[in-house]
């Protein structure tokens, strides 16, 4: 398709022209001079507002319509004590602010130049949408959207926006243009990997090995992007460098032959990840890759080195969203630590590997429970327990991070692909002065039903921060957990 005038966050549709406009007393049309040829009306589904409470402000000069049923659903969700409930309350406050500016039924002006109005419909909109259909809130929203479309006629294109695939399908069947909410979507075919290759002369490769850097204006290179320099005449001669935008040069990537807390890079992407994780000037690091590529292990290993060994940060905070794989097992008994232990087990497994599970007295290995054997029937204590007791490491769910301020801390957010863009913004804005934030995840393994590979928080951050000199990204490609794990990630 050709890029017609449109809202920059939504897919384009060509409006149908040539028929006279349809008007009615219930749906009076504004004068033709008000609407330019590219202006549209977007009817929003409830899930758009719950996915991104700021959705009302991203449609620029276009008009927005909220069916009254959307407000009913927002009111139902606002009592939930989770991120969805928080989003619903935010939307309610925004609409109350607009209410103070005018009548929402007639329409109030938006900052981008469009108008926002709430559409009531009539009694017939709350019955069946078509033969055999159930009387549901979704069908009521579609019926009101159809009335808006009929009232607009061909004067203005009306687009129904929903994150629900079935709602978009039904809208198209009913003759409406339907779109997903594309504000935070990233095209995976063009996803930023953080690594590029470049053919250069042999002198450039020799020079970077001798001096440790070569001057480069960085044309076509993002800040902190890794560049694999290949000798154009001898492709076997290569050098790995990272672009330093501040000094306008490519710097040779350190090899880290001594390892980090016993962890050694097994491929070049892991080496690139270590380079970013150990650099204090890079305040935000994102690591993406399939299962078994070592994302979480590398992030925690570097955090232990910077916190426990080098004292460059006050503590290592590791958090992850709580989303079950498959059917949820329900409420868990015990104290808060006992409830969280099953959810945080992947993090404890990494700590167990890094800290070792051998008893200080040489009594052997007790994998998963640590190394110090218990006395008097008590369970053995893991070797990393001392780090937890001294508050060098904090392991917690993301549920309690809102409102916190975290200065001079090394913050690792594991499984960040399960966060929405709004949630990941909330997390990163917790970072205080001198804090480093590391996001890890696999955008193809998502358990959150409200995001997908193109709209999750990890993909969103990678794309938005790719041109920032304070951020760096690496996509890890090769699985190192085991040959079986790598084959499963590739074939299944």
Protein backbone atom coordinates (compact mmCIF):
# COMPACT_ATOMS: atom_id res chain seq x y z
CA UNK A 1 0.00 0.00 0.00
CA UNK A 2 1.02 3.57 -0.52
CA UNK A 3 1.34 5.77 2.57
CA UNK A 4 -1.69 8.00 2.37
CA UNK A 5 -2.20 10.76 4.95
CA UNK A 6 -2.92 8.85 8.13
CA UNK A 7 -2.34 8.47 11.81
CA UNK A 8 1.34 7.43 11.99
CA UNK A 9 0.66 4.65 14.46
CA UNK A 10 -2.02 2.80 12.47
CA UNK A 11 -2.07 0.88 9.22
CA UNK A 12 -3.33 2.87 6.20
CA UNK A 13 -6.68 2.34 4.50
CA UNK A 14 -7.87 4.19 1.40
CA UNK A 15 -11.24 5.84 2.01
CA UNK A 16 -14.04 5.14 -0.43
CA UNK A 17 -15.20 8.33 -2.16
CA UNK A 18 -17.91 9.20 -4.63
CA UNK A 19 -21.20 8.67 -2.73
CA UNK A 20 -23.12 11.39 -0.92
CA UNK A 21 -22.78 11.61 2.84
CA UNK A 22 -25.44 10.13 5.07
CA UNK A 23 -26.70 12.19 7.98
CA UNK A 24 -29.41 11.83 10.62
CA UNK A 25 -30.69 13.83 13.59
CA UNK A 26 -28.91 11.44 15.95
CA UNK A 27 -25.63 11.70 14.04
CA UNK A 28 -25.27 15.20 12.56
CA UNK A 29 -22.22 15.65 10.38
CA UNK A 30 -19.93 18.67 10.84
CA UNK A 31 -19.35 21.04 7.95
CA UNK A 32 -17.19 19.67 5.16
CA UNK A 33 -14.53 22.31 5.80
CA UNK A 34 -13.85 20.81 9.22
CA UNK A 35 -12.65 17.49 7.83
CA UNK A 36 -9.66 17.41 5.53
CA UNK A 37 -9.28 14.59 3.01
CA UNK A 38 -7.08 12.56 5.39
CA UNK A 39 -9.05 13.00 8.57
CA UNK A 40 -10.69 9.92 10.05
CA UNK A 41 -12.85 8.70 12.88
CA UNK A 42 -11.51 5.89 15.05
CA UNK A 43 -13.91 3.87 17.19
CA UNK A 44 -11.93 2.32 20.06
CA UNK A 45 -12.55 -1.02 21.72
CA UNK A 46 -12.11 -1.40 25.48
CA UNK A 47 -8.96 -3.50 25.20
CA UNK A 48 -7.14 -0.66 23.44
CA UNK A 49 -7.51 1.60 26.47
CA UNK A 50 -6.63 -1.18 28.92
CA UNK A 51 -3.54 -2.08 26.87
CA UNK A 52 -2.31 1.52 26.76
CA UNK A 53 -4.06 4.17 28.92
CA UNK A 54 -2.37 6.82 26.78
CA UNK A 55 -4.05 5.57 23.60
CA UNK A 56 -6.38 8.59 23.52
CA UNK A 57 -3.42 10.84 22.78
CA UNK A 58 -1.72 9.04 19.87
CA UNK A 59 -4.26 9.59 17.09
CA UNK A 60 -3.08 13.11 16.20
CA UNK A 61 -5.71 15.16 14.35
CA UNK A 62 -8.21 12.33 13.94
CA UNK A 63 -11.53 12.06 15.77
CA UNK A 64 -12.15 9.42 18.44
CA UNK A 65 -15.42 7.75 19.41
CA UNK A 66 -15.91 5.68 22.56
CA UNK A 67 -19.07 3.55 22.65
CA UNK A 68 -20.86 3.90 25.98
CA UNK A 69 -20.34 0.17 26.53
CA UNK A 70 -16.58 0.78 26.63
CA UNK A 71 -17.08 3.04 29.64
CA UNK A 72 -19.15 0.33 31.31
CA UNK A 73 -16.36 -2.21 30.83
CA UNK A 74 -13.70 0.23 32.03
CA UNK A 75 -15.78 0.79 35.15
CA UNK A 76 -15.96 -2.97 35.72
CA UNK A 77 -12.17 -3.41 35.49
CA UNK A 78 -11.16 -0.37 37.56
CA UNK A 79 -11.68 -2.27 40.82
CA UNK A 80 -9.00 -4.83 40.01
CA UNK A 81 -5.78 -4.53 42.01
CA UNK A 82 -3.47 -5.17 39.09
CA UNK A 83 -2.07 -3.38 36.05
CA UNK A 84 -5.32 -3.73 34.13
CA UNK A 85 -7.24 -2.14 36.98
CA UNK A 86 -4.67 0.64 37.18
CA UNK A 87 -5.04 1.28 33.46
CA UNK A 88 -8.83 1.42 33.82
CA UNK A 89 -8.58 3.97 36.63
CA UNK A 90 -6.18 6.07 34.57
CA UNK A 91 -8.60 6.12 31.64
CA UNK A 92 -11.46 7.12 33.95
CA UNK A 93 -9.45 10.05 35.30
CA UNK A 94 -8.56 11.17 31.78
CA UNK A 95 -12.19 11.11 30.68
CA UNK A 96 -13.20 13.04 33.79
CA UNK A 97 -10.66 15.71 32.86
CA UNK A 98 -12.13 15.94 29.35
CA UNK A 99 -15.62 16.11 30.86
CA UNK A 100 -14.63 19.32 32.60
CA UNK A 101 -13.83 20.85 29.18
CA UNK A 102 -17.22 20.18 27.61
CA UNK A 103 -19.96 17.70 26.87
CA UNK A 104 -18.49 14.31 25.98
CA UNK A 105 -21.63 13.36 24.06
CA UNK A 106 -21.25 16.37 21.79
CA UNK A 107 -17.47 16.11 21.65
CA UNK A 108 -14.51 17.80 23.29
CA UNK A 109 -11.28 18.94 21.58
CA UNK A 110 -8.17 16.78 21.90
CA UNK A 111 -4.58 18.09 22.13
CA UNK A 112 -3.77 16.75 18.65
CA UNK A 113 -6.60 18.66 17.00
CA UNK A 114 -9.28 15.97 16.81
CA UNK A 115 -12.47 15.54 18.77
CA UNK A 116 -13.37 12.93 21.37
CA UNK A 117 -16.97 11.94 21.99
CA UNK A 118 -18.89 9.17 23.72
CA UNK A 119 -21.53 7.50 21.56
CA UNK A 120 -24.69 6.31 23.34
CA UNK A 121 -26.45 4.53 20.48
CA UNK A 122 -30.10 3.65 21.08
CA UNK A 123 -32.17 0.77 22.43
CA UNK A 124 -31.78 -1.27 19.24
CA UNK A 125 -28.01 -1.28 19.69
CA UNK A 126 -28.32 -3.39 22.80
CA UNK A 127 -30.12 -6.29 21.11
CA UNK A 128 -28.85 -8.92 18.75
CA UNK A 129 -26.24 -7.80 16.23
CA UNK A 130 -27.26 -10.45 13.70
CA UNK A 131 -29.27 -13.67 13.65
CA UNK A 132 -28.14 -16.10 16.32
CA UNK A 133 -25.74 -13.66 17.96
CA UNK A 134 -25.57 -13.42 21.73
CA UNK A 135 -26.43 -10.21 23.51
CA UNK A 136 -22.88 -9.35 24.59
CA UNK A 137 -20.93 -6.19 25.28
CA UNK A 138 -18.70 -6.90 22.27
CA UNK A 139 -21.69 -7.01 19.92
CA UNK A 140 -23.09 -3.82 21.40
CA UNK A 141 -19.78 -2.08 20.73
CA UNK A 142 -19.84 -3.31 17.13
CA UNK A 143 -23.45 -2.17 16.65
CA UNK A 144 -22.59 1.34 17.87
CA UNK A 145 -19.51 1.38 15.63
CA UNK A 146 -21.73 0.48 12.67
CA UNK A 147 -24.08 3.37 13.49
CA UNK A 148 -21.10 5.75 13.55
CA UNK A 149 -20.00 4.43 10.16
CA UNK A 150 -23.48 4.78 8.66
CA UNK A 151 -23.77 8.33 9.96
CA UNK A 152 -20.41 9.32 8.49
CA UNK A 153 -21.24 7.80 5.11
CA UNK A 154 -18.46 8.51 2.61
CA UNK A 155 -17.65 11.89 4.11
CA UNK A 156 -15.08 10.41 6.45
CA UNK A 157 -13.45 7.01 6.88
CA UNK A 158 -14.49 5.24 10.09
CA UNK A 159 -12.06 2.65 11.45
CA UNK A 160 -12.77 0.22 14.27
CA UNK A 161 -9.63 -0.32 16.42
CA UNK A 162 -9.37 -3.41 18.63
CA UNK A 163 -6.67 -5.66 20.05
CA UNK A 164 -9.11 -8.57 19.89
CA UNK A 165 -8.62 -10.62 16.72
CA UNK A 166 -12.20 -11.93 16.69
CA UNK A 167 -13.59 -8.42 17.09
CA UNK A 168 -11.60 -7.27 14.07
CA UNK A 169 -12.83 -10.25 12.08
CA UNK A 170 -16.47 -9.58 12.96
CA UNK A 171 -16.06 -5.89 12.15
CA UNK A 172 -14.68 -6.70 8.71
CA UNK A 173 -17.52 -9.17 8.08
CA UNK A 174 -19.99 -6.42 8.98
CA UNK A 175 -18.42 -4.11 6.39
CA UNK A 176 -16.20 -1.93 8.58
CA UNK A 177 -12.51 -1.21 8.31
CA UNK A 178 -10.82 -2.79 11.32
CA UNK A 179 -7.26 -2.42 12.59
CA UNK A 180 -5.11 -3.56 15.45
CA UNK A 181 -3.69 -0.89 17.74
CA UNK A 182 -0.28 -0.40 16.13
CA UNK A 183 1.18 2.26 18.41
CA UNK A 184 3.79 -0.04 20.02
CA UNK A 185 4.15 -2.67 17.30
CA UNK A 186 7.53 -3.59 15.84
CA UNK A 187 7.96 -5.40 12.52
CA UNK A 188 9.89 -8.55 13.39
CA UNK A 189 11.43 -8.78 9.92
CA UNK A 190 13.09 -5.44 10.62
CA UNK A 191 13.73 -5.95 14.34
CA UNK A 192 16.93 -4.39 15.61
CA UNK A 193 19.51 -7.06 16.52
CA UNK A 194 22.30 -4.77 17.72
CA UNK A 195 24.87 -6.35 15.36
CA UNK A 196 25.84 -5.61 11.75
CA UNK A 197 28.66 -6.69 9.44
CA UNK A 198 30.83 -4.42 7.34
CA UNK A 199 33.48 -5.12 4.70
CA UNK A 200 36.59 -2.98 5.19
CA UNK A 201 40.17 -2.80 4.01
CA UNK A 202 42.81 -4.93 5.69
CA UNK A 203 44.42 -1.78 7.11
CA UNK A 204 41.28 -1.02 9.14
CA UNK A 205 41.30 -4.46 10.75
CA UNK A 206 45.01 -4.23 11.53
CA UNK A 207 44.63 -0.71 12.88
CA UNK A 208 41.85 -1.56 15.34
CA UNK A 209 43.89 -4.47 16.73
CA UNK A 210 46.95 -2.25 17.18
CA UNK A 211 45.28 0.86 18.63
CA UNK A 212 42.10 -0.62 20.10
CA UNK A 213 39.88 1.70 18.06
CA UNK A 214 39.42 3.36 14.68
CA UNK A 215 37.72 6.67 13.93
CA UNK A 216 34.30 6.35 12.32
CA UNK A 217 31.50 8.83 11.73
CA UNK A 218 28.97 6.06 12.32
CA UNK A 219 26.91 6.51 9.18
CA UNK A 220 24.16 3.90 9.29
CA UNK A 221 25.26 2.67 12.75
CA UNK A 222 23.28 3.06 15.95
CA UNK A 223 24.92 4.05 19.26
CA UNK A 224 26.50 1.07 21.02
CA UNK A 225 25.79 -1.16 18.03
CA UNK A 226 28.31 -3.93 17.42
CA UNK A 227 30.09 -4.05 14.09
CA UNK A 228 31.87 -7.13 12.76
CA UNK A 229 34.62 -5.79 10.53
CA UNK A 230 35.58 -8.18 7.73
CA UNK A 231 38.62 -7.93 5.49
CA UNK A 232 37.14 -7.49 2.02
CA UNK A 233 39.93 -9.52 0.42
CA UNK A 234 40.27 -12.10 3.19
CA UNK A 235 36.90 -12.74 4.93
CA UNK A 236 38.62 -14.94 7.50
CA UNK A 237 40.29 -11.85 9.01
CA UNK A 238 37.74 -10.12 11.22
CA UNK A 239 37.49 -7.82 14.20
CA UNK A 240 34.60 -7.20 16.60
CA UNK A 241 33.94 -3.60 17.61
CA UNK A 242 31.29 -1.47 19.30
CA UNK A 243 30.39 2.00 18.06
CA UNK A 244 31.04 4.83 20.52
CA UNK A 245 28.87 7.74 19.40
CA UNK A 246 30.33 10.18 21.90
CA UNK A 247 33.89 9.76 20.62
CA UNK A 248 32.92 8.91 17.03
CA UNK A 249 34.88 5.71 16.84
CA UNK A 250 34.69 1.93 16.76
CA UNK A 251 36.25 0.36 19.85
CA UNK A 252 37.55 -3.20 19.96
CA UNK A 253 35.42 -5.54 22.06
CA UNK A 254 37.25 -6.96 25.08
CA UNK A 255 37.60 -10.74 25.21
CA UNK A 256 37.03 -11.23 28.98
CA UNK A 257 39.25 -14.32 29.00
CA UNK A 258 39.17 -14.46 32.79
CA UNK A 259 35.41 -14.97 32.77
CA UNK A 260 32.75 -13.39 34.98
CA UNK A 261 31.92 -15.32 38.14
CA UNK A 262 33.00 -18.50 36.41
CA UNK A 263 30.96 -17.76 33.26
CA UNK A 264 32.78 -17.55 29.92
CA UNK A 265 31.33 -16.30 26.63
CA UNK A 266 30.77 -19.23 24.27
CA UNK A 267 29.87 -17.23 21.17
CA UNK A 268 30.27 -13.71 19.88
CA UNK A 269 26.77 -12.57 20.90
CA UNK A 270 27.46 -13.57 24.50
CA UNK A 271 30.74 -11.66 24.28
CA UNK A 272 28.83 -8.61 23.05
CA UNK A 273 26.37 -8.98 25.93
CA UNK A 274 29.22 -9.04 28.47
CA UNK A 275 30.67 -5.91 26.90
CA UNK A 276 27.40 -4.01 27.41
CA UNK A 277 26.62 -5.42 30.83
CA UNK A 278 30.02 -4.47 32.29
CA UNK A 279 30.02 -0.94 30.85
CA UNK A 280 28.63 1.57 33.37
CA UNK A 281 28.09 4.18 30.63
CA UNK A 282 25.34 1.99 29.14
CA UNK A 283 22.46 2.51 31.57
CA UNK A 284 19.94 0.33 29.73
CA UNK A 285 20.76 -3.08 28.26
CA UNK A 286 18.25 -5.28 26.44
CA UNK A 287 19.02 -8.94 25.72
CA UNK A 288 16.73 -10.86 23.41
CA UNK A 289 17.01 -14.46 22.28
CA UNK A 290 15.49 -17.90 22.31
CA UNK A 291 15.51 -20.13 25.36
CA UNK A 292 18.91 -21.35 26.47
CA UNK A 293 21.03 -18.55 25.00
CA UNK A 294 22.23 -17.45 28.46
CA UNK A 295 20.48 -14.10 28.77
CA UNK A 296 19.53 -14.30 32.44
CA UNK A 297 22.71 -16.09 33.50
CA UNK A 298 24.95 -13.47 31.87
CA UNK A 299 22.94 -10.59 33.36
CA UNK A 300 23.08 -11.99 36.90
CA UNK A 301 26.77 -12.96 36.63
CA UNK A 302 27.74 -9.44 35.59
CA UNK A 303 25.51 -8.02 38.31
CA UNK A 304 27.28 -10.09 40.97
CA UNK A 305 30.66 -8.92 39.71
CA UNK A 306 29.69 -5.25 39.69
CA UNK A 307 27.89 -5.40 43.05
CA UNK A 308 29.72 -7.97 45.17
CA UNK A 309 33.24 -7.65 43.74
CA UNK A 310 33.63 -4.15 42.31
CA UNK A 311 31.16 -2.35 44.62
CA UNK A 312 30.01 -0.19 41.73
CA UNK A 313 26.34 -0.64 42.66
CA UNK A 314 24.64 -0.95 46.03
CA UNK A 315 22.73 -4.14 45.31
CA UNK A 316 21.54 -6.50 42.61
CA UNK A 317 17.75 -6.52 42.21
CA UNK A 318 16.27 -9.30 40.10
CA UNK A 319 12.56 -9.20 39.29
CA UNK A 320 10.22 -10.94 36.92
CA UNK A 321 6.51 -10.75 36.09
CA UNK A 322 4.33 -13.52 37.49
CA UNK A 323 2.73 -15.35 34.56
CA UNK A 324 2.11 -19.12 34.66
CA UNK A 325 2.89 -21.49 31.80
CA UNK A 326 -0.28 -23.43 31.07
CA UNK A 327 -3.05 -23.72 33.66
CA UNK A 328 -2.47 -21.80 36.87
CA UNK A 329 -2.17 -23.94 40.00
CA UNK A 330 -4.02 -21.37 42.09
CA UNK A 331 -3.09 -19.80 45.41
CA UNK A 332 0.09 -20.97 47.14
CA UNK A 333 0.33 -21.49 50.91
CA UNK A 334 2.93 -20.09 53.26
CA UNK A 335 4.70 -16.79 53.81
CA UNK A 336 5.47 -14.30 51.05
CA UNK A 337 8.88 -15.86 50.41
CA UNK A 338 7.34 -19.32 50.20
CA UNK A 339 4.68 -18.10 47.78
CA UNK A 340 7.27 -16.46 45.54
CA UNK A 341 9.77 -19.30 45.56
CA UNK A 342 8.15 -21.31 42.69
CA UNK A 343 7.91 -18.19 40.51
CA UNK A 344 11.51 -17.14 41.21
CA UNK A 345 12.98 -20.62 40.81
CA UNK A 346 14.63 -19.81 37.43
CA UNK A 347 16.54 -16.98 39.10
CA UNK A 348 17.56 -19.17 42.03
CA UNK A 349 18.77 -21.80 39.55
CA UNK A 350 21.08 -19.22 37.97
CA UNK A 351 22.35 -18.11 41.39
CA UNK A 352 22.89 -21.74 42.35
CA UNK A 353 25.02 -22.28 39.25
CA UNK A 354 27.03 -19.10 39.78
CA UNK A 355 27.60 -19.53 43.52
CA UNK A 356 28.17 -23.27 43.35
CA UNK A 357 26.34 -25.89 45.34
CA UNK A 358 29.27 -27.51 47.08
CA UNK A 359 29.34 -27.33 50.86
CA UNK A 360 32.12 -25.27 52.42
CA UNK A 361 33.05 -28.31 54.47
CA UNK A 362 33.26 -30.47 51.37
CA UNK A 363 30.21 -32.59 52.02
CA UNK A 364 29.22 -32.75 48.38
CA UNK A 365 26.53 -31.36 46.11
CA UNK A 366 22.84 -30.90 46.75
CA UNK A 367 21.58 -29.34 43.54
CA UNK A 368 18.68 -26.94 43.94
CA UNK A 369 18.86 -26.77 47.75
CA UNK A 370 22.36 -25.39 47.99
CA UNK A 371 25.40 -26.94 49.50
CA UNK A 372 25.42 -26.59 53.28
CA UNK A 373 23.73 -29.65 54.67
CA UNK A 374 21.07 -29.00 57.26
CA UNK A 375 21.48 -29.90 60.90
CA UNK A 376 18.88 -31.39 63.18
CA UNK A 377 16.59 -32.26 60.29
CA UNK A 378 16.62 -28.69 58.88
CA UNK A 379 16.79 -28.35 55.08
CA UNK A 380 20.19 -27.51 53.59
CA UNK A 381 20.96 -23.82 53.05
CA UNK A 382 21.89 -22.67 49.52
CA UNK A 383 25.31 -21.11 49.06
CA UNK A 384 23.77 -17.89 47.73
CA UNK A 385 21.72 -17.43 50.92
CA UNK A 386 24.44 -15.25 52.44
CA UNK A 387 24.08 -12.81 49.53
CA UNK A 388 20.34 -12.64 50.16
CA UNK A 389 20.79 -12.20 53.92
CA UNK A 390 23.24 -9.33 53.41
CA UNK A 391 20.84 -7.66 50.93
CA UNK A 392 23.46 -7.85 48.18
CA UNK A 393 20.79 -9.58 46.09
CA UNK A 394 17.06 -8.95 46.18
CA UNK A 395 14.70 -11.23 44.28
CA UNK A 396 11.12 -10.04 43.96
CA UNK A 397 8.11 -9.94 41.64
CA UNK A 398 7.34 -6.80 39.66
CA UNK A 399 4.03 -6.47 41.50
CA UNK A 400 5.60 -4.31 44.20
CA UNK A 401 7.91 -2.13 42.13
CA UNK A 402 5.49 0.74 41.46
CA UNK A 403 6.31 3.82 43.51
CA UNK A 404 9.84 2.70 44.34
CA UNK A 405 12.99 4.67 43.56
CA UNK A 406 16.12 2.59 42.97
CA UNK A 407 19.36 4.65 42.99
CA UNK A 408 22.75 3.04 42.30
CA UNK A 409 21.35 -0.42 41.79
CA UNK A 410 21.77 -3.10 39.17
CA UNK A 411 18.21 -3.98 38.14
CA UNK A 412 17.53 -7.12 36.08
CA UNK A 413 14.01 -7.64 34.71
CA UNK A 414 13.70 -11.23 33.55
CA UNK A 415 10.98 -12.42 31.13
CA UNK A 416 10.29 -8.81 30.15
CA UNK A 417 8.53 -9.95 26.96
CA UNK A 418 5.47 -10.56 29.17
CA UNK A 419 5.20 -6.85 29.99
CA UNK A 420 3.10 -4.33 28.09
CA UNK A 421 4.79 -1.13 26.84
CA UNK A 422 3.05 0.78 29.64
CA UNK A 423 4.31 -1.65 32.27
CA UNK A 424 7.87 -1.59 31.02
CA UNK A 425 7.78 2.21 31.10
CA UNK A 426 6.69 2.02 34.73
CA UNK A 427 9.63 -0.29 35.51
CA UNK A 428 12.34 1.73 33.78
CA UNK A 429 11.17 4.99 35.33
CA UNK A 430 11.90 3.47 38.76
CA UNK A 431 15.63 3.79 38.00
CA UNK A 432 17.35 6.38 40.16
CA UNK A 433 20.70 8.10 39.70
CA UNK A 434 23.46 5.65 38.80
CA UNK A 435 21.16 2.66 38.28
CA UNK A 436 21.66 0.19 35.44
CA UNK A 437 18.59 -1.59 34.03
CA UNK A 438 18.84 -4.91 32.17
CA UNK A 439 15.84 -6.37 30.34
CA UNK A 440 15.99 -10.00 29.22
CA UNK A 441 13.43 -12.10 27.39
CA UNK A 442 12.38 -14.09 24.37
CA UNK A 443 9.72 -12.34 22.31
CA UNK A 444 8.57 -15.69 20.89
CA UNK A 445 7.76 -17.19 24.32
CA UNK A 446 4.95 -15.01 25.65
CA UNK A 447 2.54 -16.08 28.38
CA UNK A 448 0.72 -12.75 28.71
CA UNK A 449 -2.51 -12.99 26.65
CA UNK A 450 -2.60 -9.22 26.10
CA UNK A 451 0.66 -8.84 24.17
CA UNK A 452 2.31 -10.57 21.23
CA UNK A 453 5.74 -10.73 19.62
CA UNK A 454 5.34 -7.28 18.05
CA UNK A 455 3.63 -5.37 20.87
CA UNK A 456 5.36 -6.56 24.05
CA UNK A 457 7.40 -4.30 26.29
CA UNK A 458 10.78 -5.77 25.35
CA UNK A 459 10.31 -5.21 21.61
CA UNK A 460 8.97 -1.73 22.35
CA UNK A 461 12.01 -0.71 24.40
CA UNK A 462 14.49 -2.14 21.90
CA UNK A 463 12.98 -0.13 19.07
CA UNK A 464 12.51 3.12 21.01
CA UNK A 465 16.03 3.14 22.52
CA UNK A 466 18.01 1.95 19.49
CA UNK A 467 19.25 5.50 18.77
CA UNK A 468 19.99 6.40 22.40
CA UNK A 469 23.68 6.58 23.45
CA UNK A 470 22.75 5.35 26.94
CA UNK A 471 21.27 2.06 25.69
CA UNK A 472 22.55 -1.07 23.99
CA UNK A 473 20.98 -4.25 22.61
CA UNK A 474 22.06 -7.71 21.54
CA UNK A 475 19.99 -10.54 20.09
CA UNK A 476 21.53 -13.83 21.17
CA UNK A 477 21.04 -16.52 18.55
CA UNK A 478 22.89 -19.66 19.62
CA UNK A 479 21.55 -21.79 22.44
CA UNK A 480 24.19 -22.96 24.93
CA UNK A 481 22.03 -24.77 27.48
CA UNK A 482 22.29 -28.11 25.68
CA UNK A 483 22.07 -29.52 22.18
CA UNK A 484 18.58 -30.82 22.95
CA UNK A 485 17.36 -27.43 24.23
CA UNK A 486 18.75 -25.65 21.14
CA UNK A 487 17.15 -28.18 18.80
CA UNK A 488 13.79 -27.83 20.61
CA UNK A 489 13.90 -24.03 20.37
CA UNK A 490 14.63 -24.23 16.66
CA UNK A 491 12.28 -27.07 15.63
CA UNK A 492 9.26 -26.88 17.92
